[in-house]
Amino acid sequence: MKINKTWHESNRMPKNPTLEERIKWHIAHAENCSCRPIPDKLKAEIEKRGKAR
């Protein structure tokens, strides 16, 4: 899996993120970088909320 260093440098996860911030970050991350998948717990929450990509 390849990291998109430029994206990571300009899109840091907020400090002490809310669940909504984590979901938003991970969705954007999946669209811009392939270094790792969305964690299963968050993926389930995203699907539950109907925000699946």
Protein backbone atom coordinates (compact mmCIF):
# COMPACT_ATOMS: atom_id res chain seq x y z
CA MET A 1 0.00 0.00 0.00
CA LYS A 2 1.31 3.38 -0.96
CA ILE A 3 1.10 6.48 1.24
CA ASN A 4 0.12 9.85 -0.21
CA LYS A 5 2.55 11.91 1.86
CA THR A 6 1.36 15.24 0.44
CA TRP A 7 -2.25 14.50 1.38
CA HIS A 8 -1.30 13.36 4.88
CA GLU A 9 0.79 16.47 5.52
CA SER A 10 -2.06 18.82 4.63
CA ASN A 11 -4.90 16.74 6.15
CA ARG A 12 -4.04 15.84 9.69
CA MET A 13 -6.56 14.17 11.95
CA PRO A 14 -7.80 16.75 14.48
CA LYS A 15 -6.61 16.38 18.06
CA ASN A 16 -9.26 14.53 20.13
CA PRO A 17 -11.62 14.20 17.14
CA THR A 18 -15.33 13.66 17.50
CA LEU A 19 -16.83 10.60 15.85
CA GLU A 20 -18.13 12.81 13.03
CA GLU A 21 -14.64 14.29 12.45
CA ARG A 22 -13.12 10.80 12.39
CA ILE A 23 -15.70 9.61 9.87
CA LYS A 24 -15.15 12.64 7.63
CA TRP A 25 -11.35 12.26 7.81
CA HIS A 26 -11.37 8.53 7.07
CA ILE A 27 -13.72 8.91 4.10
CA ALA A 28 -11.45 11.61 2.62
CA HIS A 29 -8.41 9.48 3.44
CA ALA A 30 -9.82 6.46 1.60
CA GLU A 31 -10.47 8.64 -1.45
CA ASN A 32 -6.94 10.12 -1.48
CA CYS A 33 -4.56 7.55 -0.03
CA SER A 34 -4.25 3.78 -0.03
CA CYS A 35 -1.90 3.34 2.92
CA ARG A 36 -4.53 1.57 5.06
CA PRO A 37 -8.24 0.73 5.07
CA ILE A 38 -10.94 2.39 7.18
CA PRO A 39 -11.05 0.65 10.58
CA ASP A 40 -13.88 -1.90 10.82
CA LYS A 41 -15.63 -0.10 13.71
CA LEU A 42 -15.72 3.16 11.75
CA LYS A 43 -16.72 1.39 8.54
CA ALA A 44 -19.73 -0.10 10.37
CA GLU A 45 -20.69 3.33 11.74
CA ILE A 46 -20.35 4.91 8.28
CA GLU A 47 -22.60 2.26 6.76
CA LYS A 48 -25.06 2.63 9.63
CA ARG A 49 -25.29 6.36 8.91
CA GLY A 50 -25.67 5.75 5.17
CA LYS A 51 -22.44 7.54 4.24
CA ALA A 52 -20.77 4.61 2.51
CA ARG A 53 -18.70 5.54 -0.50
